[in-house]
Amino acid sequence: MSLHKPFLDYLYLFIVVLHLTAMLGEFNQPVVRMESLCQPRGSPFHFLVAYRQWYITTMSDPYYDLDIPGHFFEFLVYVELVVQFPLALYLTHALLSKQRISGSGELAAVVYGAVTGLCTAIVCNDMWHLGPEVITHEAKQTLLFGAYLPYAVI
């Protein structure tokens, strides 16, 4: 057995870390109610406010600026908070290790991948059907093919 980590471990680490940053921006949603940790200027997570605002402005993502109680995206934010975020933290730790990923790490990666893929596919399907009154064609193409669809495929 080789002592070197496979290249794919580093690729997976990159993907998981990108998703972690996206999740941190989502946790500043009204759904999660972290205002006390994010909103006052001296708060420990105030940088998330600027990050979230940059993402909304740059990507024109209609879901990040959504405040509709009971919308399916609210449920997906909770899935990310309860399932994906802890798995992503565990995977980041496992993939940063100098050793090859363990069997439990591989199982965590499979669960993380399945949940992430399913949740992202749901968002892609909904976004595909959004009209021009909600999102421009250019923003839809950027989000579908540049942000969401790669996670559904991976």
N, C-alpha and C. Protein backbone atom coordinates (compact mmCIF):
# COMPACT_ATOMS: atom_id res chain seq x y z
N MET A 1 0.83 -1.18 0.00
CA MET A 1 0.00 0.00 0.00
C MET A 1 0.88 1.25 0.00
N SER A 2 0.57 2.18 -0.86
CA SER A 2 1.34 3.40 -1.01
C SER A 2 1.10 4.34 0.18
N LEU A 3 2.16 5.02 0.56
CA LEU A 3 2.05 5.98 1.65
C LEU A 3 1.63 7.36 1.14
N HIS A 4 1.67 7.56 -0.17
CA HIS A 4 1.30 8.85 -0.75
C HIS A 4 -0.21 8.96 -0.91
N LYS A 5 -0.70 10.15 -0.69
CA LYS A 5 -2.13 10.40 -0.87
C LYS A 5 -2.43 10.49 -2.36
N PRO A 6 -3.54 9.92 -2.78
CA PRO A 6 -3.93 10.04 -4.19
C PRO A 6 -4.27 11.49 -4.54
N PHE A 7 -4.06 11.86 -5.80
CA PHE A 7 -4.37 13.20 -6.28
C PHE A 7 -5.84 13.53 -6.05
N LEU A 8 -6.72 12.55 -6.19
CA LEU A 8 -8.16 12.79 -6.02
C LEU A 8 -8.49 13.30 -4.62
N ASP A 9 -7.72 12.89 -3.62
CA ASP A 9 -7.97 13.39 -2.26
C ASP A 9 -7.82 14.92 -2.21
N TYR A 10 -6.83 15.43 -2.92
CA TYR A 10 -6.62 16.88 -2.95
C TYR A 10 -7.72 17.58 -3.75
N LEU A 11 -8.18 16.94 -4.80
CA LEU A 11 -9.29 17.49 -5.57
C LEU A 11 -10.56 17.53 -4.72
N TYR A 12 -10.82 16.43 -4.00
CA TYR A 12 -11.99 16.39 -3.12
C TYR A 12 -11.89 17.44 -2.02
N LEU A 13 -10.69 17.62 -1.48
CA LEU A 13 -10.48 18.64 -0.45
C LEU A 13 -10.83 20.02 -0.99
N PHE A 14 -10.38 20.33 -2.19
CA PHE A 14 -10.68 21.61 -2.82
C PHE A 14 -12.19 21.80 -2.96
N ILE A 15 -12.89 20.77 -3.42
CA ILE A 15 -14.34 20.84 -3.62
C ILE A 15 -15.06 21.04 -2.29
N VAL A 16 -14.66 20.29 -1.27
CA VAL A 16 -15.31 20.39 0.04
C VAL A 16 -15.07 21.76 0.66
N VAL A 17 -13.87 22.29 0.54
CA VAL A 17 -13.58 23.61 1.10
C VAL A 17 -14.37 24.70 0.38
N LEU A 18 -14.51 24.59 -0.94
CA LEU A 18 -15.35 25.55 -1.68
C LEU A 18 -16.79 25.50 -1.17
N HIS A 19 -17.29 24.29 -0.96
CA HIS A 19 -18.66 24.14 -0.48
C HIS A 19 -18.80 24.67 0.95
N LEU A 20 -17.78 24.47 1.77
CA LEU A 20 -17.81 25.02 3.13
C LEU A 20 -17.96 26.53 3.11
N THR A 21 -17.24 27.21 2.23
CA THR A 21 -17.36 28.67 2.17
C THR A 21 -18.76 29.07 1.72
N ALA A 22 -19.33 28.33 0.79
CA ALA A 22 -20.70 28.63 0.35
C ALA A 22 -21.69 28.42 1.49
N MET A 23 -21.49 27.33 2.25
CA MET A 23 -22.39 27.07 3.37
C MET A 23 -22.29 28.16 4.42
N LEU A 24 -21.10 28.65 4.69
CA LEU A 24 -20.95 29.73 5.67
C LEU A 24 -21.73 30.96 5.25
N GLY A 25 -21.75 31.25 3.97
CA GLY A 25 -22.54 32.36 3.47
C GLY A 25 -24.03 32.12 3.62
N GLU A 26 -24.44 30.88 3.45
CA GLU A 26 -25.86 30.55 3.59
C GLU A 26 -26.32 30.62 5.03
N PHE A 27 -25.45 30.34 5.96
CA PHE A 27 -25.86 30.32 7.36
C PHE A 27 -26.16 31.73 7.87
N ASN A 28 -25.90 32.72 7.07
CA ASN A 28 -26.28 34.09 7.40
C ASN A 28 -27.67 34.39 6.85
N GLN A 29 -28.37 33.37 6.37
CA GLN A 29 -29.73 33.51 5.87
C GLN A 29 -30.66 33.85 7.04
N PRO A 30 -31.78 34.50 6.77
CA PRO A 30 -32.77 34.75 7.82
C PRO A 30 -33.28 33.45 8.44
N VAL A 31 -33.21 32.35 7.68
CA VAL A 31 -33.68 31.05 8.15
C VAL A 31 -32.92 30.60 9.39
N VAL A 32 -31.61 30.75 9.36
CA VAL A 32 -30.77 30.23 10.44
C VAL A 32 -30.73 31.17 11.63
N ARG A 33 -30.98 32.44 11.41
CA ARG A 33 -31.07 33.43 12.49
C ARG A 33 -29.77 33.56 13.29
N MET A 34 -28.68 33.84 12.61
CA MET A 34 -27.41 34.05 13.28
C MET A 34 -27.07 35.54 13.38
N GLU A 35 -28.09 36.39 13.39
CA GLU A 35 -27.84 37.83 13.36
C GLU A 35 -26.92 38.29 14.49
N SER A 36 -27.07 37.72 15.68
CA SER A 36 -26.26 38.18 16.81
C SER A 36 -24.78 37.88 16.61
N LEU A 37 -24.47 36.85 15.82
CA LEU A 37 -23.08 36.51 15.55
C LEU A 37 -22.53 37.21 14.31
N CYS A 38 -23.43 37.73 13.46
CA CYS A 38 -23.00 38.28 12.18
C CYS A 38 -23.22 39.78 12.02
N GLN A 39 -24.32 40.30 12.53
CA GLN A 39 -24.73 41.66 12.17
C GLN A 39 -23.93 42.78 12.82
N PRO A 40 -23.74 42.82 14.13
CA PRO A 40 -22.97 43.95 14.66
C PRO A 40 -21.56 43.95 14.08
N ARG A 41 -21.03 45.12 13.81
CA ARG A 41 -19.74 45.24 13.12
C ARG A 41 -18.62 44.48 13.83
N GLY A 42 -18.60 44.39 15.11
CA GLY A 42 -17.53 43.71 15.83
C GLY A 42 -17.78 42.22 16.05
N SER A 43 -18.82 41.69 15.47
CA SER A 43 -19.18 40.28 15.67
C SER A 43 -18.13 39.35 15.07
N PRO A 44 -18.00 38.14 15.65
CA PRO A 44 -16.97 37.22 15.17
C PRO A 44 -17.17 36.77 13.72
N PHE A 45 -18.40 36.75 13.25
CA PHE A 45 -18.67 36.29 11.89
C PHE A 45 -19.21 37.40 10.99
N HIS A 46 -18.84 38.65 11.29
CA HIS A 46 -19.33 39.77 10.49
C HIS A 46 -18.86 39.68 9.04
N PHE A 47 -17.71 39.04 8.81
CA PHE A 47 -17.21 38.90 7.44
C PHE A 47 -18.19 38.14 6.57
N LEU A 48 -19.06 37.31 7.17
CA LEU A 48 -20.05 36.56 6.39
C LEU A 48 -21.08 37.49 5.76
N VAL A 49 -21.35 38.60 6.40
CA VAL A 49 -22.31 39.56 5.83
C VAL A 49 -21.75 40.11 4.52
N ALA A 50 -20.49 40.52 4.53
CA ALA A 50 -19.86 41.04 3.31
C ALA A 50 -19.74 39.95 2.25
N TYR A 51 -19.37 38.75 2.67
CA TYR A 51 -19.25 37.63 1.73
C TYR A 51 -20.59 37.33 1.07
N ARG A 52 -21.63 37.27 1.86
CA ARG A 52 -22.97 36.97 1.34
C ARG A 52 -23.44 38.06 0.39
N GLN A 53 -23.20 39.32 0.76
CA GLN A 53 -23.61 40.43 -0.10
C GLN A 53 -22.85 40.39 -1.42
N TRP A 54 -21.55 40.08 -1.37
CA TRP A 54 -20.75 39.97 -2.60
C TRP A 54 -21.32 38.86 -3.48
N TYR A 55 -21.64 37.72 -2.89
CA TYR A 55 -22.16 36.59 -3.67
C TYR A 55 -23.49 36.94 -4.32
N ILE A 56 -24.40 37.55 -3.57
CA ILE A 56 -25.71 37.91 -4.11
C ILE A 56 -25.54 38.90 -5.27
N THR A 57 -24.69 39.89 -5.09
CA THR A 57 -24.47 40.89 -6.13
C THR A 57 -23.79 40.30 -7.35
N THR A 58 -22.76 39.50 -7.14
CA THR A 58 -21.98 38.95 -8.24
C THR A 58 -22.73 37.87 -9.01
N MET A 59 -23.36 36.95 -8.30
CA MET A 59 -23.97 35.79 -8.95
C MET A 59 -25.47 35.97 -9.22
N SER A 60 -26.09 36.96 -8.64
CA SER A 60 -27.55 37.18 -8.79
C SER A 60 -28.33 35.93 -8.39
N ASP A 61 -27.89 35.27 -7.33
CA ASP A 61 -28.53 34.04 -6.87
C ASP A 61 -29.84 34.38 -6.16
N PRO A 62 -30.98 33.96 -6.72
CA PRO A 62 -32.26 34.33 -6.12
C PRO A 62 -32.52 33.63 -4.78
N TYR A 63 -31.85 32.53 -4.51
CA TYR A 63 -32.12 31.78 -3.29
C TYR A 63 -31.48 32.42 -2.06
N TYR A 64 -30.35 33.09 -2.23
CA TYR A 64 -29.67 33.68 -1.08
C TYR A 64 -30.41 34.88 -0.52
N ASP A 65 -31.19 35.53 -1.34
CA ASP A 65 -31.91 36.72 -0.89
C ASP A 65 -33.38 36.41 -0.69
N LEU A 66 -33.68 35.16 -0.41
CA LEU A 66 -35.05 34.68 -0.31
C LEU A 66 -35.51 34.70 1.15
N ASP A 67 -36.67 35.22 1.39
CA ASP A 67 -37.24 35.21 2.73
C ASP A 67 -38.72 34.82 2.64
N ILE A 68 -38.94 33.60 2.12
CA ILE A 68 -40.30 33.08 1.98
C ILE A 68 -40.43 31.89 2.92
N PRO A 69 -41.13 32.03 4.05
CA PRO A 69 -41.27 30.90 4.97
C PRO A 69 -41.91 29.70 4.27
N GLY A 70 -41.32 28.54 4.51
CA GLY A 70 -41.87 27.31 3.95
C GLY A 70 -41.35 26.98 2.57
N HIS A 71 -40.52 27.85 1.97
CA HIS A 71 -39.94 27.56 0.66
C HIS A 71 -38.99 26.38 0.80
N PHE A 72 -38.88 25.55 -0.25
CA PHE A 72 -38.05 24.35 -0.16
C PHE A 72 -36.59 24.68 0.15
N PHE A 73 -36.11 25.84 -0.25
CA PHE A 73 -34.72 26.19 -0.01
C PHE A 73 -34.44 26.32 1.48
N GLU A 74 -35.43 26.73 2.25
CA GLU A 74 -35.29 26.81 3.70
C GLU A 74 -34.95 25.43 4.27
N PHE A 75 -35.65 24.41 3.80
CA PHE A 75 -35.38 23.04 4.25
C PHE A 75 -33.96 22.62 3.86
N LEU A 76 -33.54 22.97 2.64
CA LEU A 76 -32.20 22.60 2.20
C LEU A 76 -31.12 23.28 3.02
N VAL A 77 -31.38 24.48 3.50
CA VAL A 77 -30.42 25.16 4.37
C VAL A 77 -30.27 24.38 5.68
N TYR A 78 -31.38 23.89 6.20
CA TYR A 78 -31.31 23.07 7.42
C TYR A 78 -30.58 21.75 7.17
N VAL A 79 -30.78 21.14 6.01
CA VAL A 79 -30.04 19.91 5.66
C VAL A 79 -28.55 20.22 5.63
N GLU A 80 -28.18 21.35 5.05
CA GLU A 80 -26.76 21.73 5.03
C GLU A 80 -26.23 21.96 6.44
N LEU A 81 -27.01 22.60 7.28
CA LEU A 81 -26.58 22.90 8.64
C LEU A 81 -26.40 21.63 9.47
N VAL A 82 -27.34 20.69 9.35
CA VAL A 82 -27.35 19.51 10.21
C VAL A 82 -26.55 18.34 9.64
N VAL A 83 -26.54 18.18 8.32
CA VAL A 83 -25.89 17.01 7.71
C VAL A 83 -24.60 17.38 6.98
N GLN A 84 -24.70 18.26 6.01
CA GLN A 84 -23.56 18.53 5.14
C GLN A 84 -22.42 19.28 5.84
N PHE A 85 -22.74 20.26 6.66
CA PHE A 85 -21.69 21.04 7.32
C PHE A 85 -20.82 20.18 8.23
N PRO A 86 -21.41 19.37 9.13
CA PRO A 86 -20.55 18.51 9.95
C PRO A 86 -19.75 17.51 9.12
N LEU A 87 -20.37 16.94 8.08
CA LEU A 87 -19.64 16.00 7.23
C LEU A 87 -18.50 16.71 6.50
N ALA A 88 -18.74 17.93 6.04
CA ALA A 88 -17.69 18.68 5.34
C ALA A 88 -16.53 18.99 6.28
N LEU A 89 -16.83 19.35 7.52
CA LEU A 89 -15.75 19.59 8.49
C LEU A 89 -14.95 18.32 8.75
N TYR A 90 -15.65 17.20 8.92
CA TYR A 90 -14.97 15.92 9.14
C TYR A 90 -14.11 15.55 7.93
N LEU A 91 -14.67 15.72 6.73
CA LEU A 91 -13.92 15.39 5.52
C LEU A 91 -12.71 16.31 5.34
N THR A 92 -12.85 17.57 5.66
CA THR A 92 -11.71 18.49 5.56
C THR A 92 -10.59 18.02 6.46
N HIS A 93 -10.93 17.65 7.67
CA HIS A 93 -9.92 17.14 8.61
C HIS A 93 -9.29 15.85 8.07
N ALA A 94 -10.11 14.93 7.59
CA ALA A 94 -9.61 13.64 7.08
C ALA A 94 -8.75 13.83 5.83
N LEU A 95 -9.15 14.73 4.96
CA LEU A 95 -8.41 14.93 3.71
C LEU A 95 -7.14 15.74 3.91
N LEU A 96 -7.08 16.53 4.98
CA LEU A 96 -5.85 17.27 5.28
C LEU A 96 -4.80 16.40 5.97
N SER A 97 -5.22 15.27 6.48
CA SER A 97 -4.31 14.35 7.15
C SER A 97 -3.25 13.87 6.16
N LYS A 98 -2.07 13.57 6.67
CA LYS A 98 -1.00 13.06 5.81
C LYS A 98 -1.25 11.62 5.38
N GLN A 99 -2.13 10.95 6.10
CA GLN A 99 -2.44 9.55 5.76
C GLN A 99 -3.57 9.49 4.75
N ARG A 100 -3.67 8.33 4.12
CA ARG A 100 -4.79 8.12 3.20
C ARG A 100 -6.09 8.13 3.99
N ILE A 101 -7.16 8.47 3.32
CA ILE A 101 -8.46 8.55 3.99
C ILE A 101 -8.89 7.16 4.44
N SER A 102 -9.47 7.09 5.63
CA SER A 102 -9.88 5.81 6.23
C SER A 102 -11.21 5.35 5.64
N GLY A 103 -11.61 4.16 6.04
CA GLY A 103 -12.91 3.63 5.60
C GLY A 103 -14.06 4.48 6.08
N SER A 104 -13.99 4.97 7.31
CA SER A 104 -15.06 5.84 7.81
C SER A 104 -15.07 7.17 7.06
N GLY A 105 -13.90 7.64 6.68
CA GLY A 105 -13.82 8.86 5.89
C GLY A 105 -14.42 8.67 4.50
N GLU A 106 -14.16 7.50 3.91
CA GLU A 106 -14.75 7.21 2.60
C GLU A 106 -16.27 7.13 2.69
N LEU A 107 -16.77 6.51 3.76
CA LEU A 107 -18.22 6.43 3.96
C LEU A 107 -18.81 7.83 4.14
N ALA A 108 -18.14 8.67 4.92
CA ALA A 108 -18.60 10.05 5.10
C ALA A 108 -18.62 10.78 3.76
N ALA A 109 -17.61 10.52 2.92
CA ALA A 109 -17.56 11.16 1.60
C ALA A 109 -18.70 10.71 0.71
N VAL A 110 -19.06 9.43 0.79
CA VAL A 110 -20.18 8.92 -0.01
C VAL A 110 -21.49 9.56 0.44
N VAL A 111 -21.72 9.63 1.75
CA VAL A 111 -22.94 10.25 2.27
C VAL A 111 -22.97 11.73 1.90
N TYR A 112 -21.85 12.41 2.11
CA TYR A 112 -21.75 13.83 1.77
C TYR A 112 -22.05 14.05 0.28
N GLY A 113 -21.45 13.23 -0.57
CA GLY A 113 -21.66 13.36 -2.01
C GLY A 113 -23.10 13.11 -2.41
N ALA A 114 -23.72 12.09 -1.82
CA ALA A 114 -25.10 11.76 -2.16
C ALA A 114 -26.05 12.87 -1.73
N VAL A 115 -25.89 13.35 -0.51
CA VAL A 115 -26.77 14.41 0.00
C VAL A 115 -26.54 15.71 -0.77
N THR A 116 -25.29 16.06 -1.01
CA THR A 116 -24.98 17.28 -1.75
C THR A 116 -25.52 17.20 -3.18
N GLY A 117 -25.32 16.06 -3.82
CA GLY A 117 -25.81 15.89 -5.18
C GLY A 117 -27.32 15.98 -5.28
N LEU A 118 -28.01 15.35 -4.35
CA LEU A 118 -29.48 15.38 -4.37
C LEU A 118 -30.01 16.79 -4.11
N CYS A 119 -29.48 17.44 -3.09
CA CYS A 119 -29.94 18.81 -2.78
C CYS A 119 -29.65 19.76 -3.93
N THR A 120 -28.49 19.62 -4.54
CA THR A 120 -28.13 20.49 -5.65
C THR A 120 -28.98 20.21 -6.87
N ALA A 121 -29.30 18.95 -7.11
CA ALA A 121 -30.18 18.61 -8.24
C ALA A 121 -31.56 19.24 -8.06
N ILE A 122 -32.05 19.27 -6.83
CA ILE A 122 -33.35 19.90 -6.55
C ILE A 122 -33.29 21.39 -6.90
N VAL A 123 -32.22 22.06 -6.48
CA VAL A 123 -32.07 23.49 -6.78
C VAL A 123 -31.93 23.71 -8.29
N CYS A 124 -31.15 22.87 -8.96
CA CYS A 124 -30.97 23.01 -10.42
C CYS A 124 -32.30 22.85 -11.14
N ASN A 125 -33.10 21.88 -10.73
CA ASN A 125 -34.40 21.67 -11.36
C ASN A 125 -35.30 22.89 -11.17
N ASP A 126 -35.33 23.42 -9.96
CA ASP A 126 -36.16 24.59 -9.72
C ASP A 126 -35.66 25.80 -10.50
N MET A 127 -34.34 25.99 -10.50
CA MET A 127 -33.78 27.14 -11.20
C MET A 127 -34.03 27.05 -12.71
N TRP A 128 -33.99 25.85 -13.25
CA TRP A 128 -34.24 25.64 -14.68
C TRP A 128 -35.61 26.20 -15.07
N HIS A 129 -36.57 26.10 -14.16
CA HIS A 129 -37.95 26.51 -14.45
C HIS A 129 -38.27 27.95 -14.01
N LEU A 130 -37.31 28.64 -13.40
CA LEU A 130 -37.55 30.04 -13.00
C LEU A 130 -37.64 30.92 -14.24
N GLY A 131 -38.56 31.83 -14.22
CA GLY A 131 -38.77 32.72 -15.36
C GLY A 131 -37.89 33.96 -15.31
N PRO A 132 -37.93 34.76 -16.38
CA PRO A 132 -37.10 35.96 -16.45
C PRO A 132 -37.50 37.04 -15.44
N GLU A 133 -38.69 36.92 -14.86
CA GLU A 133 -39.09 37.89 -13.84
C GLU A 133 -38.36 37.65 -12.52
N VAL A 134 -37.78 36.46 -12.36
CA VAL A 134 -37.06 36.11 -11.13
C VAL A 134 -35.55 36.20 -11.33
N ILE A 135 -35.06 35.72 -12.48
CA ILE A 135 -33.63 35.67 -12.75
C ILE A 135 -33.38 35.86 -14.24
N THR A 136 -32.33 36.61 -14.55
CA THR A 136 -32.01 36.83 -15.96
C THR A 136 -31.44 35.55 -16.56
N HIS A 137 -31.51 35.46 -17.88
CA HIS A 137 -30.99 34.27 -18.57
C HIS A 137 -29.49 34.11 -18.31
N GLU A 138 -28.75 35.21 -18.34
CA GLU A 138 -27.30 35.15 -18.12
C GLU A 138 -26.98 34.67 -16.70
N ALA A 139 -27.69 35.21 -15.72
CA ALA A 139 -27.46 34.80 -14.33
C ALA A 139 -27.83 33.33 -14.14
N LYS A 140 -28.90 32.90 -14.78
CA LYS A 140 -29.31 31.50 -14.69
C LYS A 140 -28.23 30.58 -15.26
N GLN A 141 -27.68 30.94 -16.41
CA GLN A 141 -26.62 30.14 -17.03
C GLN A 141 -25.38 30.08 -16.13
N THR A 142 -25.01 31.23 -15.57
CA THR A 142 -23.84 31.28 -14.70
C THR A 142 -24.04 30.41 -13.47
N LEU A 143 -25.19 30.53 -12.84
CA LEU A 143 -25.45 29.75 -11.62
C LEU A 143 -25.59 28.27 -11.92
N LEU A 144 -26.35 27.93 -12.95
CA LEU A 144 -26.56 26.52 -13.26
C LEU A 144 -25.26 25.83 -13.63
N PHE A 145 -24.53 26.40 -14.60
CA PHE A 145 -23.36 25.72 -15.13
C PHE A 145 -22.06 26.07 -14.42
N GLY A 146 -22.06 27.13 -13.63
CA GLY A 146 -20.84 27.52 -12.94
C GLY A 146 -20.84 27.27 -11.45
N ALA A 147 -22.01 27.23 -10.85
CA ALA A 147 -22.07 27.08 -9.39
C ALA A 147 -22.78 25.81 -8.95
N TYR A 148 -24.00 25.60 -9.40
CA TYR A 148 -24.80 24.50 -8.86
C TYR A 148 -24.57 23.16 -9.56
N LEU A 149 -24.63 23.13 -10.88
CA LEU A 149 -24.55 21.86 -11.61
C LEU A 149 -23.25 21.09 -11.35
N PRO A 150 -22.09 21.75 -11.26
CA PRO A 150 -20.88 20.97 -10.95
C PRO A 150 -20.99 20.16 -9.66
N TYR A 151 -21.68 20.70 -8.64
CA TYR A 151 -21.84 19.95 -7.40
C TYR A 151 -22.82 18.80 -7.56
N ALA A 152 -23.80 18.95 -8.41
CA ALA A 152 -24.73 17.84 -8.66
C ALA A 152 -24.01 16.71 -9.39
N VAL A 153 -23.11 17.06 -10.29
CA VAL A 153 -22.38 16.05 -11.06
C VAL A 153 -21.32 15.37 -10.22
N ILE A 154 -20.58 16.17 -9.45
CA ILE A 154 -19.48 15.62 -8.64
C ILE A 154 -20.05 14.76 -7.55
